[in-house]
Amino acid sequence: MSRLPSQLQPLWPVVKRGHRWGARVLGAAGRRTVGPARGLPRTGSERSRDTALLEPATTRIVSVGEAFTVRRTLPVGEPPAHWYFADRLEQRVPERFVLELTEGRLQGRHAAVVTTGGVLDLETSHYFDIAGWREHPVFWNPRPRPAARVDGTVAVLAARGTGHNYYHFLIDGLPRLAMLDAAHPGLRPDRWVVDTATRYQRELIAMLGLEQDRLVAPGPGFSLQARRLLVPSLPNVSTLVSPETSAWLRDRLPPRAAASGLPDRLYVTRGTTPNTRRMVQEEAVVALLRRRGFAVLDPGTVSVQEQIDHFAAARVVVAPHGAALTNLVFARDGVRVLELFAPTYLNGGYWSIVGNIPESRYRYVVGDGPRASRPGRPQRGVMDDIDLAPARVEQALDRLLAD
């Protein structure tokens, strides 16, 4: 979520406010002095259908799925009936579509989508915790470099967060392939815009069969213009994973049939670096879990396929909140999950994934603290460490196994 070095994580709320303010100021100046000639958006649109209405000659939408509502039940945990989950029992999954642009542009490392007339389409360029298109980080580069041109078809998988986070790459980026397949079966674009910097990204791209010689990775200063630009809508704007996203990933990235002998009780570690959502008392927690038959998995030390295999084999998973739990999407029917949170940051993504698995059980434990989040107050401790007494973890595990 946050790219600050671990030692600077406590400053994240201040940095975030400054980042939003800077985008507004630089964008206002850039729009007056540079204009859209070099790709800087001149204006913006909140919804892709409005973008298409603004430029009907060069922009259209291919719908591949109507909006629908997912209703979930309140999870069990401590404290009970937590307001965060109670506020998210109903999820509206928006229409799924592919936005098609003639001479469309992509700008910046988050692949912001800009029409030929200079309109920033915020719906397909969504960014975290901003109040409208004027705060988009694309405006931090008020004089973008001239665009590299592709005289052909470019399909976009990259989005906010996909460049550096396993969860966002797997949940926000790759399922856009499903929408492209639905809109254009058998599509083989001239270029795929997708992040490739990390080992897990390259492994997943290979597993899905994307052609290596057609990959283009966005980065700082990235600027590309295509004769035909295909941009799927984002499947996970709310961070609650829909059943169809889970189903697509399970179908396309199955565990190996030959994988056997893997532990069926997993504790997933986040390591020992401060300000990274680590478990402060992890040594004691691991000791009691080992006595209960748990194995420790450090996801950064194994391949993506091995992560999938481990989660597919697990019957019980205990972990602090973190991106490795994205692999719960591959868990077996009936899996039981205990997720551990700091009081200053909760996220319902893995609760929603577990809810998509038949006969599963989910339980949470939230730590105590004077800065605990409350309704109407932004959750700013994005990477705060999790300090839970081992006895609380064991008690919650006993209740989970007794469900």
Protein backbone atom coordinates (compact mmCIF):
# COMPACT_ATOMS: atom_id res chain seq x y z
CA MET A 1 0.00 0.00 0.00
CA SER A 2 2.69 2.50 1.02
CA ARG A 3 6.08 2.67 -0.67
CA LEU A 4 7.85 4.62 2.08
CA PRO A 5 10.95 2.99 3.62
CA SER A 6 10.01 1.10 6.77
CA GLN A 7 11.66 3.65 9.07
CA LEU A 8 9.51 6.44 7.57
CA GLN A 9 6.20 4.57 7.66
CA PRO A 10 4.90 6.53 10.70
CA LEU A 11 5.02 9.68 8.54
CA TRP A 12 2.72 8.18 5.90
CA PRO A 13 -0.44 10.21 6.77
CA VAL A 14 1.47 13.49 6.40
CA VAL A 15 3.20 12.36 3.22
CA LYS A 16 -0.12 11.28 1.72
CA ARG A 17 -1.72 14.67 2.33
CA GLY A 18 1.30 16.38 0.79
CA HIS A 19 1.17 14.06 -2.21
CA ARG A 20 -2.47 14.92 -2.89
CA TRP A 21 -1.84 18.64 -2.45
CA GLY A 22 1.21 18.53 -4.72
CA ALA A 23 -0.73 16.80 -7.51
CA ARG A 24 -3.39 19.52 -7.37
CA VAL A 25 -0.86 22.38 -7.50
CA LEU A 26 1.42 20.90 -10.16
CA GLY A 27 -1.53 19.75 -12.23
CA ALA A 28 -3.18 23.17 -12.22
CA ALA A 29 0.06 24.79 -13.33
CA GLY A 30 0.82 22.13 -15.93
CA ARG A 31 -2.63 22.27 -17.50
CA ARG A 32 -2.23 26.01 -18.02
CA THR A 33 1.32 25.99 -19.35
CA VAL A 34 1.79 22.66 -21.12
CA GLY A 35 -1.65 21.59 -22.23
CA PRO A 36 -2.42 18.16 -23.71
CA ALA A 37 0.05 18.34 -26.59
CA ARG A 38 2.56 16.11 -24.76
CA GLY A 39 0.00 13.89 -23.05
CA LEU A 40 -0.70 15.78 -19.82
CA PRO A 41 -4.47 15.57 -19.24
CA ARG A 42 -6.28 18.86 -19.75
CA THR A 43 -9.32 17.67 -17.77
CA GLY A 44 -10.77 14.50 -16.30
CA SER A 45 -13.86 12.33 -16.09
CA GLU A 46 -14.96 10.25 -13.10
CA ARG A 47 -16.72 7.54 -15.14
CA SER A 48 -15.70 5.84 -18.35
CA ARG A 49 -19.16 6.13 -19.86
CA ASP A 50 -18.94 9.90 -19.42
CA THR A 51 -15.50 9.83 -21.05
CA ALA A 52 -16.99 8.03 -24.04
CA LEU A 53 -19.74 10.64 -24.32
CA LEU A 54 -17.15 13.43 -24.35
CA GLU A 55 -15.26 11.88 -27.28
CA PRO A 56 -17.61 9.52 -29.14
CA ALA A 57 -15.54 9.52 -32.33
CA THR A 58 -12.46 8.03 -30.64
CA THR A 59 -13.77 6.34 -27.48
CA ARG A 60 -16.21 3.49 -26.93
CA ILE A 61 -17.15 0.95 -24.28
CA VAL A 62 -17.63 -2.78 -24.77
CA SER A 63 -19.66 -4.10 -21.83
CA VAL A 64 -18.85 -7.63 -20.66
CA GLY A 65 -20.87 -7.85 -17.44
CA GLU A 66 -23.63 -5.96 -15.67
CA ALA A 67 -23.26 -4.54 -12.19
CA PHE A 68 -24.35 -6.78 -9.33
CA THR A 69 -24.40 -6.83 -5.53
CA VAL A 70 -22.56 -9.22 -3.21
CA ARG A 71 -23.96 -9.57 0.33
CA ARG A 72 -21.77 -10.97 3.07
CA THR A 73 -22.37 -11.97 6.68
CA LEU A 74 -20.62 -10.29 9.58
CA PRO A 75 -17.44 -12.23 10.46
CA VAL A 76 -16.74 -13.52 13.93
CA GLY A 77 -13.81 -12.01 15.78
CA GLU A 78 -12.41 -9.78 18.48
CA PRO A 79 -13.70 -7.26 19.20
CA PRO A 80 -17.05 -8.71 18.10
CA ALA A 81 -19.15 -7.03 15.40
CA HIS A 82 -16.30 -4.70 14.47
CA TRP A 83 -17.58 -1.55 12.76
CA TYR A 84 -15.15 -1.95 9.85
CA PHE A 85 -16.73 -5.21 8.69
CA ALA A 86 -20.25 -4.09 9.59
CA ASP A 87 -19.86 -1.19 7.14
CA ARG A 88 -18.95 -3.56 4.28
CA LEU A 89 -21.57 -6.27 4.32
CA GLU A 90 -22.94 -5.15 0.96
CA GLN A 91 -20.61 -4.69 -2.02
CA ARG A 92 -21.74 -3.22 -5.29
CA VAL A 93 -19.60 -4.71 -8.06
CA PRO A 94 -19.73 -2.23 -10.94
CA GLU A 95 -20.23 -3.00 -14.60
CA ARG A 96 -17.28 -4.77 -16.21
CA PHE A 97 -16.19 -3.43 -19.57
CA VAL A 98 -13.32 -2.68 -21.90
CA LEU A 99 -12.67 0.95 -22.75
CA GLU A 100 -11.40 1.23 -26.33
CA LEU A 101 -9.58 4.37 -27.45
CA THR A 102 -8.27 5.43 -30.82
CA GLU A 103 -4.89 7.15 -30.34
CA GLY A 104 -5.25 6.78 -26.58
CA ARG A 105 -2.34 7.42 -24.23
CA LEU A 106 -0.91 5.88 -21.09
CA GLN A 107 1.01 8.15 -18.73
CA GLY A 108 3.20 7.45 -15.70
CA ARG A 109 4.09 4.35 -13.74
CA HIS A 110 0.43 3.74 -12.83
CA ALA A 111 -0.59 3.72 -16.52
CA ALA A 112 -3.08 6.57 -16.31
CA VAL A 113 -5.48 6.47 -19.27
CA VAL A 114 -5.77 9.67 -21.33
CA THR A 115 -7.95 10.13 -24.42
CA THR A 116 -6.67 11.66 -27.65
CA GLY A 117 -8.44 14.86 -26.60
CA GLY A 118 -6.68 14.99 -23.24
CA VAL A 119 -9.32 13.58 -20.86
CA LEU A 120 -8.02 11.55 -17.90
CA ASP A 121 -10.40 8.60 -17.40
CA LEU A 122 -10.42 8.15 -13.64
CA GLU A 123 -12.52 4.97 -13.59
CA THR A 124 -9.81 2.99 -15.38
CA SER A 125 -7.03 5.06 -13.76
CA HIS A 126 -8.25 4.73 -10.18
CA TYR A 127 -5.76 5.65 -7.44
CA PHE A 128 -5.82 5.19 -3.67
CA ASP A 129 -7.37 7.79 -1.35
CA ILE A 130 -7.71 10.71 -3.74
CA ALA A 131 -10.63 13.11 -4.02
CA GLY A 132 -11.12 13.20 -7.76
CA TRP A 133 -9.01 13.27 -10.90
CA ARG A 134 -7.18 16.51 -10.00
CA GLU A 135 -5.28 14.64 -7.27
CA HIS A 136 -4.08 11.84 -9.52
CA PRO A 137 -0.28 11.30 -9.32
CA VAL A 138 -0.01 11.64 -13.11
CA PHE A 139 0.14 15.40 -12.47
CA TRP A 140 3.38 15.05 -10.52
CA ASN A 141 5.09 15.00 -13.91
CA PRO A 142 3.81 18.24 -15.48
CA ARG A 143 6.06 17.93 -18.53
CA PRO A 144 5.82 14.28 -19.65
CA ARG A 145 8.23 12.98 -22.23
CA PRO A 146 7.02 12.50 -25.82
CA ALA A 147 5.00 9.33 -26.14
CA ALA A 148 6.43 6.18 -27.67
CA ARG A 149 4.02 5.22 -30.42
CA VAL A 150 2.64 1.75 -31.16
CA ASP A 151 0.97 1.54 -34.56
CA GLY A 152 -1.20 -1.34 -33.50
CA THR A 153 -3.22 -2.71 -30.55
CA VAL A 154 -2.10 -2.27 -26.94
CA ALA A 155 -3.87 -4.03 -24.04
CA VAL A 156 -3.44 -2.76 -20.48
CA LEU A 157 -3.08 -4.90 -17.35
CA ALA A 158 -1.02 -2.50 -15.21
CA ALA A 159 -2.83 -0.30 -12.69
CA ARG A 160 -2.34 1.46 -9.35
CA GLY A 161 -0.50 -0.82 -6.95
CA THR A 162 0.37 -3.52 -9.46
CA GLY A 163 3.98 -2.39 -9.78
CA HIS A 164 5.05 -3.30 -6.25
CA ASN A 165 2.37 -5.32 -4.47
CA TYR A 166 1.52 -9.01 -4.89
CA TYR A 167 -2.12 -8.53 -3.91
CA HIS A 168 -2.76 -5.74 -6.40
CA PHE A 169 -0.88 -7.46 -9.21
CA LEU A 170 -2.82 -10.68 -8.74
CA ILE A 171 -6.25 -9.22 -7.92
CA ASP A 172 -6.32 -5.84 -9.72
CA GLY A 173 -4.13 -6.50 -12.74
CA LEU A 174 -4.31 -10.08 -13.98
CA PRO A 175 -8.14 -10.50 -13.86
CA ARG A 176 -8.39 -7.73 -16.45
CA LEU A 177 -7.46 -10.54 -18.83
CA ALA A 178 -10.89 -12.04 -18.19
CA MET A 179 -12.59 -8.89 -19.47
CA LEU A 180 -10.36 -8.74 -22.54
CA ASP A 181 -11.12 -12.40 -23.27
CA ALA A 182 -14.84 -11.73 -22.98
CA ALA A 183 -14.74 -8.64 -25.21
CA HIS A 184 -12.24 -10.01 -27.75
CA PRO A 185 -11.86 -13.81 -27.63
CA GLY A 186 -8.45 -14.94 -28.81
CA LEU A 187 -7.00 -11.42 -28.66
CA ARG A 188 -3.25 -11.19 -29.38
CA PRO A 189 -2.34 -7.52 -28.98
CA ASP A 190 0.86 -6.09 -30.35
CA ARG A 191 1.84 -5.04 -26.82
CA TRP A 192 0.80 -5.90 -23.27
CA VAL A 193 1.36 -3.12 -20.72
CA VAL A 194 2.14 -5.04 -17.55
CA ASP A 195 4.60 -4.75 -14.65
CA THR A 196 7.60 -7.07 -14.90
CA ALA A 197 10.12 -5.83 -12.31
CA THR A 198 9.74 -8.56 -9.71
CA ARG A 199 10.27 -12.31 -9.82
CA TYR A 200 6.65 -13.06 -8.91
CA GLN A 201 5.38 -10.84 -11.73
CA ARG A 202 7.53 -12.62 -14.29
CA GLU A 203 6.49 -16.01 -12.95
CA LEU A 204 2.78 -15.20 -13.11
CA ILE A 205 3.08 -13.73 -16.61
CA ALA A 206 4.76 -16.93 -17.78
CA MET A 207 2.15 -19.10 -16.07
CA LEU A 208 -0.60 -17.23 -17.94
CA GLY A 209 1.18 -17.57 -21.28
CA LEU A 210 1.69 -13.91 -22.18
CA GLU A 211 4.27 -13.49 -24.93
CA GLN A 212 7.53 -12.17 -23.49
CA ASP A 213 8.46 -10.22 -26.60
CA ARG A 214 5.21 -8.23 -26.43
CA LEU A 215 5.55 -6.95 -22.86
CA VAL A 216 5.96 -3.26 -22.03
CA ALA A 217 6.46 -2.28 -18.38
CA PRO A 218 5.35 1.15 -17.13
CA GLY A 219 7.69 3.14 -14.92
CA PRO A 220 8.57 6.71 -13.95
CA GLY A 221 8.15 8.93 -17.00
CA PHE A 222 6.31 6.22 -18.93
CA SER A 223 4.41 7.58 -21.93
CA LEU A 224 2.84 5.52 -24.71
CA GLN A 225 0.32 6.22 -27.45
CA ALA A 226 -1.42 3.48 -29.42
CA ARG A 227 -3.46 3.43 -32.55
CA ARG A 228 -5.87 1.17 -30.64
CA LEU A 229 -5.76 1.10 -26.84
CA LEU A 230 -7.79 -1.52 -24.92
CA VAL A 231 -8.27 -0.79 -21.21
CA PRO A 232 -10.37 -3.18 -19.09
CA SER A 233 -12.18 -1.78 -16.09
CA LEU A 234 -10.68 -2.47 -12.67
CA PRO A 235 -12.15 -5.57 -11.02
CA ASN A 236 -11.33 -4.59 -7.43
CA VAL A 237 -11.75 -0.88 -6.74
CA SER A 238 -13.33 -1.54 -3.33
CA THR A 239 -10.58 -4.04 -2.25
CA LEU A 240 -13.37 -6.60 -1.71
CA VAL A 241 -12.82 -9.49 -4.10
CA SER A 242 -15.87 -10.61 -6.06
CA PRO A 243 -16.71 -14.30 -6.49
CA GLU A 244 -16.07 -14.13 -10.24
CA THR A 245 -12.53 -12.77 -9.72
CA SER A 246 -11.77 -15.61 -7.30
CA ALA A 247 -13.19 -18.17 -9.72
CA TRP A 248 -11.18 -16.88 -12.67
CA LEU A 249 -7.89 -16.99 -10.75
CA ARG A 250 -8.58 -20.49 -9.41
CA ASP A 251 -9.31 -21.68 -12.92
CA ARG A 252 -6.29 -20.08 -14.57
CA LEU A 253 -3.69 -20.74 -11.84
CA PRO A 254 -4.38 -24.19 -10.40
CA PRO A 255 -2.14 -26.03 -7.92
CA ARG A 256 0.06 -28.80 -9.25
CA ALA A 257 -1.60 -32.18 -9.14
CA ALA A 258 1.75 -33.69 -8.15
CA ALA A 259 2.16 -31.45 -5.08
CA SER A 260 1.86 -33.66 -2.00
CA GLY A 261 3.16 -33.91 1.50
CA LEU A 262 2.65 -30.20 2.19
CA PRO A 263 1.55 -29.09 5.67
CA ASP A 264 -2.15 -28.59 6.24
CA ARG A 265 -1.64 -25.96 8.97
CA LEU A 266 0.20 -22.78 7.95
CA TYR A 267 1.47 -19.71 9.74
CA VAL A 268 2.46 -17.03 7.20
CA THR A 269 5.22 -14.73 8.42
CA ARG A 270 5.94 -11.14 7.39
CA GLY A 271 9.49 -11.16 8.77
CA THR A 272 11.05 -9.00 11.47
CA THR A 273 11.54 -5.53 9.92
CA PRO A 274 9.75 -2.84 11.99
CA ASN A 275 6.86 -0.88 10.44
CA THR A 276 5.95 -3.62 7.96
CA ARG A 277 2.94 -5.18 9.75
CA ARG A 278 5.23 -7.72 11.37
CA MET A 279 4.07 -9.66 14.41
CA VAL A 280 5.90 -8.07 17.33
CA GLN A 281 5.67 -11.21 19.49
CA GLU A 282 6.07 -13.59 16.57
CA GLU A 283 8.67 -15.84 18.19
CA ALA A 284 6.29 -16.75 21.00
CA VAL A 285 3.32 -17.05 18.64
CA VAL A 286 5.25 -19.38 16.34
CA ALA A 287 6.34 -21.52 19.28
CA LEU A 288 2.77 -22.17 20.38
CA LEU A 289 1.60 -22.75 16.80
CA ARG A 290 4.35 -25.28 16.16
CA ARG A 291 3.11 -27.21 19.18
CA ARG A 292 -0.28 -27.26 17.45
CA GLY A 293 1.15 -28.76 14.25
CA PHE A 294 1.68 -25.56 12.23
CA ALA A 295 4.47 -25.00 9.73
CA VAL A 296 5.86 -21.53 9.02
CA LEU A 297 5.75 -20.27 5.44
CA ASP A 298 7.86 -17.31 4.35
CA PRO A 299 6.29 -16.59 0.94
CA GLY A 300 9.23 -14.53 -0.27
CA THR A 301 11.47 -17.61 -0.22
CA VAL A 302 9.39 -19.78 -2.57
CA SER A 303 8.04 -19.50 -6.09
CA VAL A 304 4.51 -18.39 -6.93
CA GLN A 305 3.58 -21.95 -7.87
CA GLU A 306 4.87 -23.18 -4.52
CA GLN A 307 2.80 -20.53 -2.73
CA ILE A 308 -0.29 -21.67 -4.63
CA ASP A 309 0.45 -25.30 -3.77
CA HIS A 310 0.94 -24.54 -0.05
CA PHE A 311 -2.31 -22.60 0.26
CA ALA A 312 -4.22 -25.20 -1.74
CA ALA A 313 -3.01 -27.87 0.71
CA ALA A 314 -3.78 -25.90 3.88
CA ARG A 315 -6.81 -26.63 6.04
CA VAL A 316 -5.98 -23.88 8.57
CA VAL A 317 -4.14 -20.59 7.95
CA VAL A 318 -3.03 -18.10 10.63
CA ALA A 319 -1.35 -14.85 9.56
CA PRO A 320 -0.94 -11.14 10.13
CA HIS A 321 -2.66 -9.09 7.47
CA GLY A 322 -0.43 -8.92 4.38
CA ALA A 323 -0.21 -9.47 0.65
CA ALA A 324 0.76 -13.15 0.88
CA LEU A 325 -2.80 -13.92 2.01
CA THR A 326 -3.86 -13.19 -1.57
CA ASN A 327 -3.04 -16.86 -2.08
CA LEU A 328 -6.15 -17.72 -0.06
CA VAL A 329 -7.91 -17.47 -3.39
CA PHE A 330 -6.39 -20.91 -4.11
CA ALA A 331 -7.39 -22.47 -0.78
CA ARG A 332 -9.48 -25.62 -0.58
CA ASP A 333 -13.17 -25.76 0.31
CA GLY A 334 -13.66 -25.65 4.07
CA VAL A 335 -10.44 -23.74 4.84
CA ARG A 336 -10.28 -21.97 8.21
CA VAL A 337 -8.50 -18.63 8.43
CA LEU A 338 -7.43 -16.48 11.38
CA GLU A 339 -6.31 -12.98 10.33
CA LEU A 340 -4.46 -10.69 12.75
CA PHE A 341 -4.66 -6.87 12.59
CA ALA A 342 -3.15 -3.81 14.21
CA PRO A 343 -5.84 -1.50 15.65
CA THR A 344 -4.95 1.27 13.20
CA TYR A 345 -5.49 -0.53 9.91
CA LEU A 346 -8.04 -3.10 8.80
CA ASN A 347 -8.71 -4.38 5.31
CA GLY A 348 -11.50 -6.69 4.19
CA GLY A 349 -9.85 -8.16 1.13
CA TYR A 350 -9.02 -11.57 2.59
CA TRP A 351 -12.32 -11.82 4.47
CA SER A 352 -14.01 -11.40 1.09
CA ILE A 353 -11.77 -14.02 -0.55
CA VAL A 354 -12.50 -16.57 2.19
CA GLY A 355 -16.20 -15.78 1.80
CA ASN A 356 -15.98 -16.89 -1.83
CA ILE A 357 -14.84 -20.39 -0.77
CA PRO A 358 -17.56 -22.94 0.07
CA GLU A 359 -17.82 -24.10 3.70
CA SER A 360 -14.94 -21.85 4.79
CA ARG A 361 -14.57 -20.19 8.19
CA TYR A 362 -12.99 -16.78 8.87
CA ARG A 363 -12.10 -15.16 12.19
CA TYR A 364 -10.18 -11.97 13.02
CA VAL A 365 -8.36 -10.51 16.01
CA VAL A 366 -7.67 -6.77 16.24
CA GLY A 367 -5.01 -5.50 18.62
CA ASP A 368 -5.64 -2.83 21.23
CA GLY A 369 -4.23 0.69 21.15
CA PRO A 370 -5.01 4.37 21.79
CA ARG A 371 -4.95 5.19 18.05
CA ALA A 372 -7.54 2.59 17.09
CA SER A 373 -9.54 3.35 13.98
CA ARG A 374 -13.16 4.37 14.34
CA PRO A 375 -16.03 5.17 11.97
CA GLY A 376 -15.50 8.42 10.13
CA ARG A 377 -11.79 8.48 10.92
CA PRO A 378 -9.39 7.47 8.14
CA GLN A 379 -7.25 4.43 8.82
CA ARG A 380 -3.73 5.75 8.59
CA GLY A 381 -1.54 3.11 10.20
CA VAL A 382 -1.16 1.26 6.92
CA MET A 383 2.02 -0.55 7.90
CA ASP A 384 1.77 -0.47 11.70
CA ASP A 385 3.14 -3.55 13.42
CA ILE A 386 0.78 -6.02 15.11
CA ASP A 387 1.29 -6.60 18.82
CA LEU A 388 -0.95 -9.37 20.11
CA ALA A 389 -0.37 -11.51 23.16
CA PRO A 390 0.22 -15.15 22.16
CA ALA A 391 -2.58 -16.22 24.49
CA ARG A 392 -5.09 -14.13 22.49
CA VAL A 393 -3.95 -15.77 19.26
CA GLU A 394 -4.25 -19.25 20.75
CA GLN A 395 -7.68 -18.52 22.20
CA ALA A 396 -8.94 -17.25 18.83
CA LEU A 397 -7.46 -20.33 17.09
CA ASP A 398 -9.26 -22.65 19.52
CA ARG A 399 -12.55 -20.93 18.75
CA LEU A 400 -11.89 -21.08 15.00
CA LEU A 401 -11.20 -24.81 15.11
CA ALA A 402 -14.31 -25.37 17.25
CA ASP A 403 -16.63 -23.59 14.77
